[in-house]
Amino acid sequence: MPKLKTRKAAAKRFRATGTGKIVRRKAFKSHLLEHKSSNKKRSLRQSTLVHERDELNVRLMLPYL
């Protein structure tokens, strides 16, 4: 079996938890922040889990995660 290549763009965006779930950052936190509330910006700092329907696609991009 040949080695599988990792999608480097995905490797920079996702990581695994101790239990094997995949963690991602939230969107909408890079610009246009003036009109967003402090509450909204604070909640966007937290990382969150990848949805179960998207998890297979991420695992295919990261075979050694």
Protein backbone atom coordinates (compact mmCIF):
# COMPACT_ATOMS: atom_id res chain seq x y z
CA MET A 1 0.00 0.00 0.00
CA PRO A 2 1.49 3.39 -0.92
CA LYS A 3 1.47 6.23 1.54
CA LEU A 4 -1.47 8.62 1.35
CA LYS A 5 -1.01 12.35 0.95
CA THR A 6 -2.44 14.81 3.47
CA ARG A 7 -4.29 17.88 2.18
CA LYS A 8 -2.09 20.56 3.73
CA ALA A 9 -4.83 23.21 3.70
CA ALA A 10 -7.03 20.91 5.77
CA ALA A 11 -4.16 20.04 8.09
CA LYS A 12 -3.85 23.71 9.03
CA ARG A 13 -7.57 24.02 9.81
CA PHE A 14 -8.50 20.85 11.71
CA ARG A 15 -7.13 18.88 14.65
CA ALA A 16 -8.28 15.86 16.60
CA THR A 17 -9.43 15.72 20.20
CA GLY A 18 -8.33 13.02 22.61
CA THR A 19 -11.47 11.02 21.88
CA GLY A 20 -10.93 11.22 18.12
CA LYS A 21 -13.45 13.89 17.20
CA ILE A 22 -12.41 16.69 14.83
CA VAL A 23 -12.21 20.30 15.98
CA ARG A 24 -12.49 23.41 13.81
CA ARG A 25 -12.50 27.18 14.29
CA LYS A 26 -15.64 29.23 13.77
CA ALA A 27 -16.13 31.46 10.73
CA PHE A 28 -16.93 35.21 10.52
CA LYS A 29 -14.18 36.43 12.87
CA SER A 30 -11.66 37.88 10.40
CA HIS A 31 -13.05 41.29 9.38
CA LEU A 32 -16.13 43.55 9.54
CA LEU A 33 -16.05 43.25 13.32
CA GLU A 34 -17.25 46.76 14.15
CA HIS A 35 -20.95 46.02 13.87
CA LYS A 36 -20.78 42.62 15.56
CA SER A 37 -21.59 42.58 19.24
CA SER A 38 -19.01 41.74 21.87
CA ASN A 39 -21.08 38.71 22.79
CA LYS A 40 -20.99 37.45 19.22
CA LYS A 41 -17.24 38.02 18.87
CA ARG A 42 -16.58 36.29 22.18
CA SER A 43 -18.55 33.22 21.13
CA LEU A 44 -16.66 33.08 17.82
CA ARG A 45 -13.38 32.59 19.72
CA GLN A 46 -14.38 29.12 20.88
CA SER A 47 -13.54 26.14 18.74
CA THR A 48 -16.28 23.69 17.87
CA LEU A 49 -16.67 20.16 16.53
CA VAL A 50 -17.03 19.35 12.85
CA HIS A 51 -20.56 18.20 12.07
CA GLU A 52 -20.98 14.45 11.78
CA ARG A 53 -22.06 14.73 8.13
CA ASP A 54 -18.84 16.55 7.22
CA GLU A 55 -16.57 14.40 9.32
CA LEU A 56 -16.02 11.71 6.66
CA ASN A 57 -14.86 14.31 4.12
CA VAL A 58 -12.38 15.77 6.60
CA ARG A 59 -11.06 12.32 7.51
CA LEU A 60 -10.47 11.56 3.83
CA MET A 61 -8.44 14.77 3.52
CA LEU A 62 -6.44 13.88 6.66
CA PRO A 63 -5.74 10.14 6.51
CA TYR A 64 -3.28 10.18 9.45
CA LEU A 65 -5.29 12.40 11.82
